[in-house]
């Protein structure tokens, strides 16, 4: 069982930066690929980025490539999402997700249905 708790959301202006954190419980943090998704009102949950279990590979959605950066800290069992140059269209509830990554696991995995654990979400609001 893995529990995920996101933090760091808030209200910012367009062009500002924000860093989200996702703290994971359990001793098997290094066994999981960690992803970030977001969901705006009336829209489907959208894949943003995933980092593999070793931290050596990442995959970004085109909508955030070059502006967002994912990283993970194994000592703190935490994954981060650094968001720069925020736009009003980035406003959404941001979710952290974990997917057990075995030797045969697909990569990159962008389907929300394939993730095993989810956080409760953190709201990001971007004013223009």
Foldseek 3Di string as FASTA:
>chain_A
DKAKAKDWADEEAAQAKTKMKIAIDDDVLLQKKKFKWWDAPPDDIFTAKIAGSVRPDMDGDPVQPPFWDWGADNVRNMIMIIGGRDDQVVWGWMKMFIAGDDPPDDPPDGDPVRTDDIYPTDTHGYHD
